[in-house]
Amino acid sequence: MKTGIHPKTYPVLFVDGENEWTGVSTHKTNQTKVVDGIEYSIINVDISAFSHPFYTGQKKLVDTAGRVEKFMRRYGQQMANQGKK
């Protein structure tokens, strides 16, 4: 790797509610926490794999057949009347 072209990285602690995990980032904050003798900048995140419904299994699957039936109930009569004109 070429020297001097990459930004400086810092150890960070990502926090999502009760979940914490470490990583590196170019972003450094004033809030810090020492874990295992290393000082980490704390970055609070709103959504992560620990809280997102897709990853936690709380995602609701949309029934596409139900959508078509709902559309036909709502607009099917209008479509049938247009064909008669």
PDB file of N, CA and C in Angstrom:
ATOM      1  N   MET A   1       0.826  -1.182   0.000  1.00  0.00           N
ATOM      2  CA  MET A   1       0.000   0.000   0.000  1.00  0.00           C
ATOM      3  C   MET A   1       0.871   1.246   0.000  1.00  0.00           C
ATOM      4  N   LYS A   2       0.426   2.248  -0.703  1.00  0.00           N
ATOM      5  CA  LYS A   2       1.151   3.512  -0.715  1.00  0.00           C
ATOM      6  C   LYS A   2       0.974   4.220   0.621  1.00  0.00           C
ATOM      7  N   THR A   3       2.014   4.827   1.083  1.00  0.00           N
ATOM      8  CA  THR A   3       1.940   5.556   2.339  1.00  0.00           C
ATOM      9  C   THR A   3       1.476   6.980   2.093  1.00  0.00           C
ATOM     10  N   GLY A   4       0.749   7.509   3.066  1.00  0.00           N
ATOM     11  CA  GLY A   4       0.326   8.897   3.009  1.00  0.00           C
ATOM     12  C   GLY A   4      -0.931   9.181   2.220  1.00  0.00           C
ATOM     13  N   ILE A   5      -1.594   8.177   1.618  1.00  0.00           N
ATOM     14  CA  ILE A   5      -2.796   8.459   0.835  1.00  0.00           C
ATOM     15  C   ILE A   5      -4.066   7.998   1.541  1.00  0.00           C
ATOM     16  N   HIS A   6      -3.941   7.208   2.599  1.00  0.00           N
ATOM     17  CA  HIS A   6      -5.116   6.687   3.294  1.00  0.00           C
ATOM     18  C   HIS A   6      -5.426   7.550   4.509  1.00  0.00           C
ATOM     19  N   PRO A   7      -6.725   7.753   4.810  1.00  0.00           N
ATOM     20  CA  PRO A   7      -7.070   8.563   5.981  1.00  0.00           C
ATOM     21  C   PRO A   7      -6.727   7.822   7.270  1.00  0.00           C
ATOM     22  N   LYS A   8      -6.537   8.563   8.329  1.00  0.00           N
ATOM     23  CA  LYS A   8      -6.219   7.975   9.614  1.00  0.00           C
ATOM     24  C   LYS A   8      -7.474   7.311  10.187  1.00  0.00           C
ATOM     25  N   THR A   9      -7.321   6.129  10.739  1.00  0.00           N
ATOM     26  CA  THR A   9      -8.449   5.416  11.324  1.00  0.00           C
ATOM     27  C   THR A   9      -8.270   5.330  12.835  1.00  0.00           C
ATOM     28  N   TYR A  10      -9.411   5.254  13.522  1.00  0.00           N
ATOM     29  CA  TYR A  10      -9.430   5.202  14.972  1.00  0.00           C
ATOM     30  C   TYR A  10     -10.255   4.005  15.423  1.00  0.00           C
ATOM     31  N   PRO A  11      -9.930   3.437  16.585  1.00  0.00           N
ATOM     32  CA  PRO A  11     -10.788   2.376  17.121  1.00  0.00           C
ATOM     33  C   PRO A  11     -12.086   2.990  17.643  1.00  0.00           C
ATOM     34  N   VAL A  12     -13.211   2.398  17.273  1.00  0.00           N
ATOM     35  CA  VAL A  12     -14.508   2.920  17.693  1.00  0.00           C
ATOM     36  C   VAL A  12     -15.334   1.799  18.311  1.00  0.00           C
ATOM     37  N   LEU A  13     -16.276   2.199  19.137  1.00  0.00           N
ATOM     38  CA  LEU A  13     -17.222   1.286  19.759  1.00  0.00           C
ATOM     39  C   LEU A  13     -18.604   1.701  19.278  1.00  0.00           C
ATOM     40  N   PHE A  14     -19.233   0.863  18.469  1.00  0.00           N
ATOM     41  CA  PHE A  14     -20.574   1.138  17.975  1.00  0.00           C
ATOM     42  C   PHE A  14     -21.560   0.677  19.037  1.00  0.00           C
ATOM     43  N   VAL A  15     -22.551   1.518  19.339  1.00  0.00           N
ATOM     44  CA  VAL A  15     -23.527   1.211  20.380  1.00  0.00           C
ATOM     45  C   VAL A  15     -24.921   1.326  19.783  1.00  0.00           C
ATOM     46  N   ASP A  16     -25.696   0.253  19.910  1.00  0.00           N
ATOM     47  CA  ASP A  16     -27.092   0.222  19.475  1.00  0.00           C
ATOM     48  C   ASP A  16     -27.919  -0.291  20.652  1.00  0.00           C
ATOM     49  N   GLY A  17     -28.385   0.618  21.467  1.00  0.00           N
ATOM     50  CA  GLY A  17     -29.143   0.206  22.647  1.00  0.00           C
ATOM     51  C   GLY A  17     -28.246  -0.534  23.619  1.00  0.00           C
ATOM     52  N   GLU A  18     -28.528  -1.817  23.831  1.00  0.00           N
ATOM     53  CA  GLU A  18     -27.736  -2.639  24.744  1.00  0.00           C
ATOM     54  C   GLU A  18     -26.555  -3.309  24.051  1.00  0.00           C
ATOM     55  N   ASN A  19     -26.541  -3.331  22.743  1.00  0.00           N
ATOM     56  CA  ASN A  19     -25.508  -4.040  21.990  1.00  0.00           C
ATOM     57  C   ASN A  19     -24.329  -3.120  21.684  1.00  0.00           C
ATOM     58  N   GLU A  20     -23.133  -3.658  21.846  1.00  0.00           N
ATOM     59  CA  GLU A  20     -21.909  -2.920  21.546  1.00  0.00           C
ATOM     60  C   GLU A  20     -20.971  -3.815  20.756  1.00  0.00           C
ATOM     61  N   TRP A  21     -20.268  -3.242  19.783  1.00  0.00           N
ATOM     62  CA  TRP A  21     -19.245  -3.982  19.065  1.00  0.00           C
ATOM     63  C   TRP A  21     -18.172  -2.999  18.610  1.00  0.00           C
ATOM     64  N   THR A  22     -16.985  -3.533  18.449  1.00  0.00           N
ATOM     65  CA  THR A  22     -15.847  -2.682  18.115  1.00  0.00           C
ATOM     66  C   THR A  22     -15.563  -2.713  16.623  1.00  0.00           C
ATOM     67  N   GLY A  23     -14.856  -1.695  16.186  1.00  0.00           N
ATOM     68  CA  GLY A  23     -14.463  -1.594  14.787  1.00  0.00           C
ATOM     69  C   GLY A  23     -13.503  -0.437  14.625  1.00  0.00           C
ATOM     70  N   VAL A  24     -13.271  -0.080  13.383  1.00  0.00           N
ATOM     71  CA  VAL A  24     -12.422   1.075  13.092  1.00  0.00           C
ATOM     72  C   VAL A  24     -13.192   2.025  12.190  1.00  0.00           C
ATOM     73  N   SER A  25     -12.888   3.294  12.314  1.00  0.00           N
ATOM     74  CA  SER A  25     -13.562   4.304  11.517  1.00  0.00           C
ATOM     75  C   SER A  25     -12.659   5.516  11.382  1.00  0.00           C
ATOM     76  N   THR A  26     -12.929   6.334  10.394  1.00  0.00           N
ATOM     77  CA  THR A  26     -12.204   7.590  10.249  1.00  0.00           C
ATOM     78  C   THR A  26     -12.837   8.667  11.114  1.00  0.00           C
ATOM     79  N   HIS A  27     -13.979   8.377  11.694  1.00  0.00           N
ATOM     80  CA  HIS A  27     -14.695   9.327  12.546  1.00  0.00           C
ATOM     81  C   HIS A  27     -14.257   9.148  13.999  1.00  0.00           C
ATOM     82  N   LYS A  28     -13.981  10.249  14.675  1.00  0.00           N
ATOM     83  CA  LYS A  28     -13.574  10.198  16.070  1.00  0.00           C
ATOM     84  C   LYS A  28     -14.495  11.119  16.861  1.00  0.00           C
ATOM     85  N   THR A  29     -14.976  10.646  18.023  1.00  0.00           N
ATOM     86  CA  THR A  29     -15.896  11.434  18.834  1.00  0.00           C
ATOM     87  C   THR A  29     -15.250  11.821  20.154  1.00  0.00           C
ATOM     88  N   ASN A  30     -15.906  12.718  20.879  1.00  0.00           N
ATOM     89  CA  ASN A  30     -15.419  13.145  22.190  1.00  0.00           C
ATOM     90  C   ASN A  30     -15.739  12.117  23.268  1.00  0.00           C
ATOM     91  N   GLN A  31     -16.819  11.341  23.085  1.00  0.00           N
ATOM     92  CA  GLN A  31     -17.172  10.301  24.050  1.00  0.00           C
ATOM     93  C   GLN A  31     -16.238   9.125  23.862  1.00  0.00           C
ATOM     94  N   THR A  32     -15.673   8.633  24.952  1.00  0.00           N
ATOM     95  CA  THR A  32     -14.775   7.486  24.862  1.00  0.00           C
ATOM     96  C   THR A  32     -15.108   6.481  25.946  1.00  0.00           C
ATOM     97  N   LYS A  33     -14.667   5.244  25.721  1.00  0.00           N
ATOM     98  CA  LYS A  33     -14.825   4.174  26.686  1.00  0.00           C
ATOM     99  C   LYS A  33     -13.624   3.251  26.546  1.00  0.00           C
ATOM    100  N   VAL A  34     -13.092   2.818  27.677  1.00  0.00           N
ATOM    101  CA  VAL A  34     -11.938   1.926  27.660  1.00  0.00           C
ATOM    102  C   VAL A  34     -12.437   0.486  27.763  1.00  0.00           C
ATOM    103  N   VAL A  35     -12.064  -0.331  26.786  1.00  0.00           N
ATOM    104  CA  VAL A  35     -12.417  -1.749  26.764  1.00  0.00           C
ATOM    105  C   VAL A  35     -11.134  -2.531  26.548  1.00  0.00           C
ATOM    106  N   ASP A  36     -10.829  -3.437  27.448  1.00  0.00           N
ATOM    107  CA  ASP A  36      -9.619  -4.264  27.373  1.00  0.00           C
ATOM    108  C   ASP A  36      -8.350  -3.420  27.216  1.00  0.00           C
ATOM    109  N   GLY A  37      -8.324  -2.277  27.872  1.00  0.00           N
ATOM    110  CA  GLY A  37      -7.139  -1.424  27.848  1.00  0.00           C
ATOM    111  C   GLY A  37      -6.996  -0.549  26.625  1.00  0.00           C
ATOM    112  N   ILE A  38      -7.976  -0.560  25.734  1.00  0.00           N
ATOM    113  CA  ILE A  38      -7.940   0.269  24.523  1.00  0.00           C
ATOM    114  C   ILE A  38      -9.043   1.307  24.623  1.00  0.00           C
ATOM    115  N   GLU A  39      -8.711   2.550  24.329  1.00  0.00           N
ATOM    116  CA  GLU A  39      -9.699   3.625  24.379  1.00  0.00           C
ATOM    117  C   GLU A  39     -10.423   3.722  23.039  1.00  0.00           C
ATOM    118  N   TYR A  40     -11.739   3.565  23.074  1.00  0.00           N
ATOM    119  CA  TYR A  40     -12.577   3.584  21.874  1.00  0.00           C
ATOM    120  C   TYR A  40     -13.432   4.846  21.864  1.00  0.00           C
ATOM    121  N   SER A  41     -13.622   5.436  20.707  1.00  0.00           N
ATOM    122  CA  SER A  41     -14.606   6.496  20.530  1.00  0.00           C
ATOM    123  C   SER A  41     -15.966   5.829  20.413  1.00  0.00           C
ATOM    124  N   ILE A  42     -16.971   6.410  21.045  1.00  0.00           N
ATOM    125  CA  ILE A  42     -18.313   5.818  21.030  1.00  0.00           C
ATOM    126  C   ILE A  42     -19.133   6.437  19.910  1.00  0.00           C
ATOM    127  N   ILE A  43     -19.691   5.584  19.054  1.00  0.00           N
ATOM    128  CA  ILE A  43     -20.582   6.020  17.981  1.00  0.00           C
ATOM    129  C   ILE A  43     -21.925   5.344  18.211  1.00  0.00           C
ATOM    130  N   ASN A  44     -22.959   6.151  18.482  1.00  0.00           N
ATOM    131  CA  ASN A  44     -24.307   5.622  18.673  1.00  0.00           C
ATOM    132  C   ASN A  44     -24.983   5.463  17.316  1.00  0.00           C
ATOM    133  N   VAL A  45     -25.564   4.290  17.084  1.00  0.00           N
ATOM    134  CA  VAL A  45     -26.272   4.036  15.835  1.00  0.00           C
ATOM    135  C   VAL A  45     -27.738   3.758  16.157  1.00  0.00           C
ATOM    136  N   ASP A  46     -28.631   4.176  15.268  1.00  0.00           N
ATOM    137  CA  ASP A  46     -30.060   3.976  15.494  1.00  0.00           C
ATOM    138  C   ASP A  46     -30.505   2.570  15.115  1.00  0.00           C
ATOM    139  N   ILE A  47     -30.016   2.084  13.994  1.00  0.00           N
ATOM    140  CA  ILE A  47     -30.434   0.774  13.501  1.00  0.00           C
ATOM    141  C   ILE A  47     -29.201  -0.029  13.128  1.00  0.00           C
ATOM    142  N   SER A  48     -29.188  -1.275  13.543  1.00  0.00           N
ATOM    143  CA  SER A  48     -28.091  -2.181  13.196  1.00  0.00           C
ATOM    144  C   SER A  48     -28.678  -3.566  12.985  1.00  0.00           C
ATOM    145  N   ALA A  49     -27.827  -4.536  12.741  1.00  0.00           N
ATOM    146  CA  ALA A  49     -28.291  -5.905  12.558  1.00  0.00           C
ATOM    147  C   ALA A  49     -28.912  -6.452  13.843  1.00  0.00           C
ATOM    148  N   PHE A  50     -28.610  -5.859  14.983  1.00  0.00           N
ATOM    149  CA  PHE A  50     -29.186  -6.304  16.247  1.00  0.00           C
ATOM    150  C   PHE A  50     -30.619  -5.821  16.436  1.00  0.00           C
ATOM    151  N   SER A  51     -30.995  -4.714  15.786  1.00  0.00           N
ATOM    152  CA  SER A  51     -32.317  -4.145  16.019  1.00  0.00           C
ATOM    153  C   SER A  51     -33.203  -4.050  14.770  1.00  0.00           C
ATOM    154  N   HIS A  52     -32.648  -4.235  13.586  1.00  0.00           N
ATOM    155  CA  HIS A  52     -33.445  -4.092  12.362  1.00  0.00           C
ATOM    156  C   HIS A  52     -34.400  -5.282  12.220  1.00  0.00           C
ATOM    157  N   PRO A  53     -35.673  -5.028  11.905  1.00  0.00           N
ATOM    158  CA  PRO A  53     -36.653  -6.120  11.811  1.00  0.00           C
ATOM    159  C   PRO A  53     -36.284  -7.200  10.801  1.00  0.00           C
ATOM    160  N   PHE A  54     -35.581  -6.865   9.745  1.00  0.00           N
ATOM    161  CA  PHE A  54     -35.206  -7.875   8.759  1.00  0.00           C
ATOM    162  C   PHE A  54     -34.291  -8.924   9.367  1.00  0.00           C
ATOM    163  N   TYR A  55     -33.347  -8.488  10.194  1.00  0.00           N
ATOM    164  CA  TYR A  55     -32.383  -9.410  10.780  1.00  0.00           C
ATOM    165  C   TYR A  55     -32.890 -10.078  12.050  1.00  0.00           C
ATOM    166  N   THR A  56     -33.854  -9.466  12.734  1.00  0.00           N
ATOM    167  CA  THR A  56     -34.359 -10.043  13.977  1.00  0.00           C
ATOM    168  C   THR A  56     -35.501 -11.016  13.741  1.00  0.00           C
ATOM    169  N   GLY A  57     -35.993 -11.106  12.503  1.00  0.00           N
ATOM    170  CA  GLY A  57     -37.074 -12.037  12.191  1.00  0.00           C
ATOM    171  C   GLY A  57     -38.454 -11.471  12.445  1.00  0.00           C
ATOM    172  N   GLN A  58     -38.567 -10.195  12.686  1.00  0.00           N
ATOM    173  CA  GLN A  58     -39.862  -9.580  12.934  1.00  0.00           C
ATOM    174  C   GLN A  58     -40.457  -8.967  11.672  1.00  0.00           C
ATOM    175  N   LYS A  59     -39.799  -9.178  10.552  1.00  0.00           N
ATOM    176  CA  LYS A  59     -40.274  -8.603   9.293  1.00  0.00           C
ATOM    177  C   LYS A  59     -41.539  -9.324   8.854  1.00  0.00           C
ATOM    178  N   LYS A  60     -42.526  -8.566   8.418  1.00  0.00           N
ATOM    179  CA  LYS A  60     -43.761  -9.142   7.922  1.00  0.00           C
ATOM    180  C   LYS A  60     -43.642  -9.310   6.411  1.00  0.00           C
ATOM    181  N   LEU A  61     -43.919 -10.491   5.915  1.00  0.00           N
ATOM    182  CA  LEU A  61     -43.886 -10.729   4.483  1.00  0.00           C
ATOM    183  C   LEU A  61     -45.219 -10.289   3.877  1.00  0.00           C
ATOM    184  N   VAL A  62     -45.159  -9.611   2.765  1.00  0.00           N
ATOM    185  CA  VAL A  62     -46.357  -9.121   2.107  1.00  0.00           C
ATOM    186  C   VAL A  62     -46.825 -10.177   1.122  1.00  0.00           C
ATOM    187  N   ASP A  63     -48.094 -10.516   1.218  1.00  0.00           N
ATOM    188  CA  ASP A  63     -48.680 -11.509   0.324  1.00  0.00           C
ATOM    189  C   ASP A  63     -49.080 -10.810  -0.970  1.00  0.00           C
ATOM    190  N   THR A  64     -48.345 -11.068  -2.045  1.00  0.00           N
ATOM    191  CA  THR A  64     -48.635 -10.383  -3.307  1.00  0.00           C
ATOM    192  C   THR A  64     -49.944 -10.849  -3.905  1.00  0.00           C
ATOM    193  N   ALA A  65     -50.312 -12.110  -3.702  1.00  0.00           N
ATOM    194  CA  ALA A  65     -51.599 -12.576  -4.219  1.00  0.00           C
ATOM    195  C   ALA A  65     -52.729 -11.829  -3.528  1.00  0.00           C
ATOM    196  N   GLY A  66     -52.581 -11.542  -2.254  1.00  0.00           N
ATOM    197  CA  GLY A  66     -53.577 -10.772  -1.524  1.00  0.00           C
ATOM    198  C   GLY A  66     -53.695  -9.362  -2.064  1.00  0.00           C
ATOM    199  N   ARG A  67     -52.604  -8.807  -2.514  1.00  0.00           N
ATOM    200  CA  ARG A  67     -52.638  -7.464  -3.089  1.00  0.00           C
ATOM    201  C   ARG A  67     -53.441  -7.446  -4.384  1.00  0.00           C
ATOM    202  N   VAL A  68     -53.248  -8.458  -5.205  1.00  0.00           N
ATOM    203  CA  VAL A  68     -53.979  -8.530  -6.475  1.00  0.00           C
ATOM    204  C   VAL A  68     -55.470  -8.699  -6.210  1.00  0.00           C
ATOM    205  N   GLU A  69     -55.819  -9.559  -5.264  1.00  0.00           N
ATOM    206  CA  GLU A  69     -57.231  -9.762  -4.936  1.00  0.00           C
ATOM    207  C   GLU A  69     -57.854  -8.487  -4.386  1.00  0.00           C
ATOM    208  N   LYS A  70     -57.122  -7.760  -3.573  1.00  0.00           N
ATOM    209  CA  LYS A  70     -57.614  -6.507  -3.019  1.00  0.00           C
ATOM    210  C   LYS A  70     -57.840  -5.491  -4.138  1.00  0.00           C
ATOM    211  N   PHE A  71     -56.913  -5.441  -5.106  1.00  0.00           N
ATOM    212  CA  PHE A  71     -57.065  -4.547  -6.242  1.00  0.00           C
ATOM    213  C   PHE A  71     -58.302  -4.915  -7.060  1.00  0.00           C
ATOM    214  N   MET A  72     -58.494  -6.194  -7.298  1.00  0.00           N
ATOM    215  CA  MET A  72     -59.639  -6.636  -8.104  1.00  0.00           C
ATOM    216  C   MET A  72     -60.960  -6.343  -7.389  1.00  0.00           C
ATOM    217  N   ARG A  73     -60.989  -6.514  -6.063  1.00  0.00           N
ATOM    218  CA  ARG A  73     -62.201  -6.186  -5.318  1.00  0.00           C
ATOM    219  C   ARG A  73     -62.499  -4.686  -5.413  1.00  0.00           C
ATOM    220  N   ARG A  74     -61.467  -3.883  -5.384  1.00  0.00           N
ATOM    221  CA  ARG A  74     -61.652  -2.436  -5.377  1.00  0.00           C
ATOM    222  C   ARG A  74     -61.986  -1.904  -6.769  1.00  0.00           C
ATOM    223  N   TYR A  75     -61.277  -2.379  -7.799  1.00  0.00           N
ATOM    224  CA  TYR A  75     -61.403  -1.805  -9.136  1.00  0.00           C
ATOM    225  C   TYR A  75     -61.904  -2.779 -10.193  1.00  0.00           C
ATOM    226  N   GLY A  76     -62.155  -4.005  -9.829  1.00  0.00           N
ATOM    227  CA  GLY A  76     -62.579  -5.006 -10.811  1.00  0.00           C
ATOM    228  C   GLY A  76     -63.905  -4.663 -11.460  1.00  0.00           C
ATOM    229  N   GLN A  77     -64.847  -4.153 -10.689  1.00  0.00           N
ATOM    230  CA  GLN A  77     -66.149  -3.790 -11.231  1.00  0.00           C
ATOM    231  C   GLN A  77     -66.033  -2.647 -12.230  1.00  0.00           C
ATOM    232  N   GLN A  78     -65.167  -1.673 -11.963  1.00  0.00           N
ATOM    233  CA  GLN A  78     -64.967  -0.574 -12.890  1.00  0.00           C
ATOM    234  C   GLN A  78     -64.362  -1.066 -14.185  1.00  0.00           C
ATOM    235  N   MET A  79     -63.433  -2.014 -14.083  1.00  0.00           N
ATOM    236  CA  MET A  79     -62.808  -2.550 -15.290  1.00  0.00           C
ATOM    237  C   MET A  79     -63.817  -3.345 -16.111  1.00  0.00           C
ATOM    238  N   ALA A  80     -64.702  -4.069 -15.450  1.00  0.00           N
ATOM    239  CA  ALA A  80     -65.725  -4.834 -16.169  1.00  0.00           C
ATOM    240  C   ALA A  80     -66.711  -3.897 -16.852  1.00  0.00           C
ATOM    241  N   ASN A  81     -67.070  -2.802 -16.207  1.00  0.00           N
ATOM    242  CA  ASN A  81     -68.001  -1.824 -16.816  1.00  0.00           C
ATOM    243  C   ASN A  81     -67.371  -1.117 -18.006  1.00  0.00           C
ATOM    244  N   GLN A  82     -66.074  -0.892 -18.004  1.00  0.00           N
ATOM    245  CA  GLN A  82     -65.400  -0.248 -19.142  1.00  0.00           C
ATOM    246  C   GLN A  82     -65.437  -1.154 -20.352  1.00  0.00           C
ATOM    247  N   GLY A  83     -65.370  -2.455 -20.141  1.00  0.00           N
ATOM    248  CA  GLY A  83     -65.391  -3.392 -21.244  1.00  0.00           C
ATOM    249  C   GLY A  83     -66.747  -3.465 -21.929  1.00  0.00           C
ATOM    250  N   LYS A  84     -67.820  -3.142 -21.235  1.00  0.00           N
ATOM    251  CA  LYS A  84     -69.174  -3.201 -21.774  1.00  0.00           C
ATOM    252  C   LYS A  84     -69.509  -1.998 -22.641  1.00  0.00           C
ATOM    253  N   LYS A  85     -68.811  -0.879 -22.451  1.00  0.00           N
ATOM    254  CA  LYS A  85     -69.127   0.347 -23.197  1.00  0.00           C
ATOM    255  C   LYS A  85     -68.754   0.242 -24.617  1.00  0.00           C
TER     256      LYS A  85
END
